[in-house]
Amino acid sequence: MDSDDLAGDKGLGAFDVRHAMALSLLWDLPLGKGRKFGSGLSGWTAKMAGGWSLGGAIIQTSGSPFTPLISFNHSRSGVAGATATTVDRPNLRPGPGFSNVDVSLVKDTLVESISGSFRIQFRVEFFNALNHPNFDLPGNAQNATSASFVFTDTSGKPNLAATRPIRTVNDPREIQLALKFVW
């Protein structure tokens, strides 16, 4: 960054994520026979009201460090040409963080039959329920083409096309329905 300040020429590893949280939860809803709500139900309505559970998973992380490169010799290192693009880098905060929320609603029903009993489980699952976009890190100038410079092109003018994040690291909201027989 600055050849007069060698102590400032250090950085974090690409795998260094300072803040990370993963939280999962499962709540058996208090509905149906013998529960707080719907305790007076019987028969078919008691079977439909009971056996529900709500689940979820939340993941939040801070951004991952990355090294964007610039196309001019800001450090005054004296390196010229295409090699200069691999020695200079701006002093920036880490890249975008990651945030994801998954939610599930599950209905578990016990079915009695002549041949025995079995359970039917119906599931509705929402992956990335909030439809939050998690953008990928922008490319840097490793291949030294004009489009790959993060901040400026080779002439030093702002490179707006290269700074726009165009990819995401997770899928958009997905909804999944499932029916499972357990015997």
Protein backbone atom coordinates (compact mmCIF):
# COMPACT_ATOMS: atom_id res chain seq x y z
CA MET A 1 0.00 0.00 0.00
CA ASP A 2 2.70 2.48 0.99
CA SER A 3 6.41 1.74 0.62
CA ASP A 4 7.12 4.22 3.46
CA ASP A 5 4.91 2.25 5.91
CA LEU A 6 5.91 -1.42 5.80
CA ALA A 7 4.06 -2.17 9.08
CA GLY A 8 0.81 -1.32 7.32
CA ASP A 9 1.43 -3.98 4.69
CA LYS A 10 -0.35 -6.89 6.30
CA GLY A 11 -3.78 -8.44 6.13
CA LEU A 12 -6.09 -11.24 7.14
CA GLY A 13 -6.28 -14.67 5.54
CA ALA A 14 -9.13 -15.29 3.09
CA PHE A 15 -10.66 -17.79 5.55
CA ASP A 16 -10.80 -15.31 8.47
CA VAL A 17 -14.47 -14.64 9.26
CA ARG A 18 -14.51 -12.72 12.54
CA HIS A 19 -18.17 -13.06 13.42
CA ALA A 20 -20.25 -16.17 12.74
CA MET A 21 -23.53 -17.36 14.25
CA ALA A 22 -25.52 -20.51 13.53
CA LEU A 23 -28.78 -20.99 15.40
CA SER A 24 -31.31 -23.78 14.99
CA LEU A 25 -34.63 -24.14 16.74
CA LEU A 26 -37.51 -26.60 16.98
CA TRP A 27 -40.79 -25.84 18.73
CA ASP A 28 -43.59 -28.38 19.22
CA LEU A 29 -46.67 -26.19 18.92
CA PRO A 30 -49.06 -26.55 21.90
CA LEU A 31 -52.09 -27.60 19.84
CA GLY A 32 -54.41 -30.62 20.05
CA LYS A 33 -55.64 -33.09 22.62
CA GLY A 34 -53.88 -32.83 25.98
CA ARG A 35 -52.14 -29.57 24.98
CA LYS A 36 -52.64 -25.95 26.02
CA PHE A 37 -54.73 -24.99 22.97
CA GLY A 38 -57.42 -27.31 21.61
CA SER A 39 -57.56 -29.61 24.65
CA GLY A 40 -61.33 -30.11 24.22
CA LEU A 41 -60.97 -31.56 20.71
CA SER A 42 -61.50 -35.22 19.89
CA GLY A 43 -61.46 -37.58 16.92
CA TRP A 44 -60.48 -36.29 13.51
CA THR A 45 -60.21 -32.62 14.58
CA ALA A 46 -57.83 -33.53 17.43
CA LYS A 47 -55.61 -35.44 14.95
CA MET A 48 -55.54 -32.45 12.58
CA ALA A 49 -54.87 -29.87 15.31
CA GLY A 50 -52.10 -31.78 17.10
CA GLY A 51 -48.63 -32.87 16.02
CA TRP A 52 -47.44 -29.56 14.55
CA SER A 53 -43.90 -28.28 14.99
CA LEU A 54 -42.07 -25.22 13.74
CA GLY A 55 -38.38 -25.33 12.98
CA GLY A 56 -35.75 -22.98 11.70
CA ALA A 57 -32.10 -22.36 11.08
CA ILE A 58 -30.41 -18.95 11.02
CA ILE A 59 -26.88 -18.34 9.76
CA GLN A 60 -25.19 -14.93 9.94
CA THR A 61 -21.54 -14.16 9.28
CA SER A 62 -19.44 -11.07 8.75
CA GLY A 63 -17.63 -10.63 5.47
CA SER A 64 -14.62 -12.57 4.28
CA PRO A 65 -11.44 -10.60 3.57
CA PHE A 66 -10.41 -10.33 -0.04
CA THR A 67 -7.68 -8.51 -1.92
CA PRO A 68 -8.93 -6.28 -4.72
CA LEU A 69 -6.16 -4.98 -6.94
CA ILE A 70 -5.86 -1.56 -8.56
CA SER A 71 -4.47 -0.69 -11.96
CA PHE A 72 -2.04 2.08 -11.01
CA ASN A 73 1.14 2.21 -8.95
CA HIS A 74 -0.25 3.79 -5.78
CA SER A 75 2.50 2.38 -3.54
CA ARG A 76 5.27 4.10 -5.50
CA SER A 77 7.11 0.77 -5.59
CA GLY A 78 8.61 1.49 -9.00
CA VAL A 79 7.12 -1.68 -10.50
CA ALA A 80 5.69 -0.93 -13.94
CA GLY A 81 3.62 -2.70 -16.57
CA ALA A 82 1.31 -5.65 -15.98
CA THR A 83 3.27 -6.66 -12.86
CA ALA A 84 2.27 -3.39 -11.13
CA THR A 85 -1.34 -4.57 -11.05
CA THR A 86 -0.43 -7.46 -8.76
CA VAL A 87 1.46 -5.46 -6.12
CA ASP A 88 -0.93 -2.58 -5.39
CA ARG A 89 -4.14 -2.99 -3.49
CA PRO A 90 -6.57 -0.61 -1.80
CA ASN A 91 -7.12 -0.55 1.96
CA LEU A 92 -10.74 -1.69 2.34
CA ARG A 93 -13.03 -3.44 4.78
CA PRO A 94 -13.92 -7.13 4.26
CA GLY A 95 -16.41 -8.23 1.61
CA PRO A 96 -20.14 -8.68 2.05
CA GLY A 97 -21.46 -10.81 4.92
CA PHE A 98 -23.75 -13.82 4.69
CA SER A 99 -27.28 -14.05 6.08
CA ASN A 100 -29.75 -16.91 5.63
CA VAL A 101 -32.98 -18.03 7.33
CA ASP A 102 -34.59 -21.44 6.70
CA VAL A 103 -38.03 -22.26 8.14
CA SER A 104 -40.00 -25.51 8.30
CA LEU A 105 -43.51 -26.42 9.38
CA VAL A 106 -44.09 -30.13 10.10
CA LYS A 107 -47.32 -32.05 10.79
CA ASP A 108 -46.81 -35.51 12.33
CA THR A 109 -49.90 -37.78 12.44
CA LEU A 110 -50.19 -41.26 13.98
CA VAL A 111 -52.45 -43.56 11.94
CA GLU A 112 -53.86 -46.73 13.51
CA SER A 113 -54.74 -49.57 11.13
CA ILE A 114 -55.57 -53.27 11.29
CA SER A 115 -52.03 -54.24 10.35
CA GLY A 116 -50.42 -51.88 12.91
CA SER A 117 -49.71 -48.22 13.29
CA PHE A 118 -47.60 -45.86 11.23
CA ARG A 119 -46.94 -42.15 11.06
CA ILE A 120 -47.48 -39.74 8.22
CA GLN A 121 -45.33 -36.65 8.23
CA PHE A 122 -46.16 -33.63 6.05
CA ARG A 123 -43.46 -30.96 5.71
CA VAL A 124 -43.37 -27.47 4.24
CA GLU A 125 -39.84 -26.07 4.09
CA PHE A 126 -38.72 -22.59 3.09
CA PHE A 127 -35.03 -22.28 2.21
CA ASN A 128 -33.76 -18.67 2.25
CA ALA A 129 -37.23 -17.74 3.55
CA LEU A 130 -36.50 -14.00 3.56
CA ASN A 131 -35.12 -14.19 -0.01
CA HIS A 132 -32.01 -12.31 1.11
CA PRO A 133 -29.37 -11.97 -1.63
CA ASN A 134 -25.85 -12.85 -0.50
CA PHE A 135 -23.48 -11.43 -3.06
CA ASP A 136 -20.23 -13.07 -4.03
CA LEU A 137 -16.96 -11.19 -3.67
CA PRO A 138 -16.04 -9.16 -6.75
CA GLY A 139 -13.21 -10.46 -8.88
CA ASN A 140 -9.79 -8.92 -8.59
CA ALA A 141 -7.20 -8.26 -11.26
CA GLN A 142 -5.45 -11.64 -11.19
CA ASN A 143 -5.72 -12.03 -14.95
CA ALA A 144 -4.84 -8.34 -15.54
CA THR A 145 -7.59 -7.62 -18.07
CA SER A 146 -9.31 -4.25 -18.05
CA ALA A 147 -12.68 -5.72 -17.02
CA SER A 148 -11.22 -7.46 -13.98
CA PHE A 149 -9.93 -4.35 -12.20
CA VAL A 150 -12.16 -3.72 -9.22
CA PHE A 151 -11.94 0.08 -9.03
CA THR A 152 -10.34 1.45 -12.17
CA ASP A 153 -9.56 0.29 -15.65
CA THR A 154 -6.00 0.35 -17.03
CA SER A 155 -6.29 4.08 -17.81
CA GLY A 156 -7.15 4.92 -14.18
CA LYS A 157 -10.81 5.80 -14.86
CA PRO A 158 -13.53 4.27 -12.60
CA ASN A 159 -14.49 0.80 -13.81
CA LEU A 160 -18.18 0.67 -12.92
CA ALA A 161 -18.85 -2.62 -14.72
CA ALA A 162 -16.25 -4.52 -12.67
CA THR A 163 -17.47 -3.26 -9.27
CA ARG A 164 -21.05 -4.47 -9.70
CA PRO A 165 -21.55 -7.81 -7.90
CA ILE A 166 -23.46 -10.00 -10.30
CA ARG A 167 -23.38 -13.41 -8.61
CA THR A 168 -24.85 -14.66 -5.37
CA VAL A 169 -23.43 -17.41 -3.17
CA ASN A 170 -26.78 -18.94 -2.22
CA ASP A 171 -30.02 -19.75 -4.00
CA PRO A 172 -33.10 -17.52 -3.97
CA ARG A 173 -36.11 -18.56 -1.86
CA GLU A 174 -37.10 -22.16 -2.47
CA ILE A 175 -40.23 -23.87 -1.13
CA GLN A 176 -40.34 -27.63 -0.74
CA LEU A 177 -43.29 -29.86 0.14
CA ALA A 178 -42.74 -33.41 1.37
CA LEU A 179 -44.85 -36.35 2.52
CA LYS A 180 -43.15 -39.12 4.48
CA PHE A 181 -44.46 -42.48 5.73
CA VAL A 182 -42.76 -43.93 8.82
CA TRP A 183 -43.64 -47.49 9.90
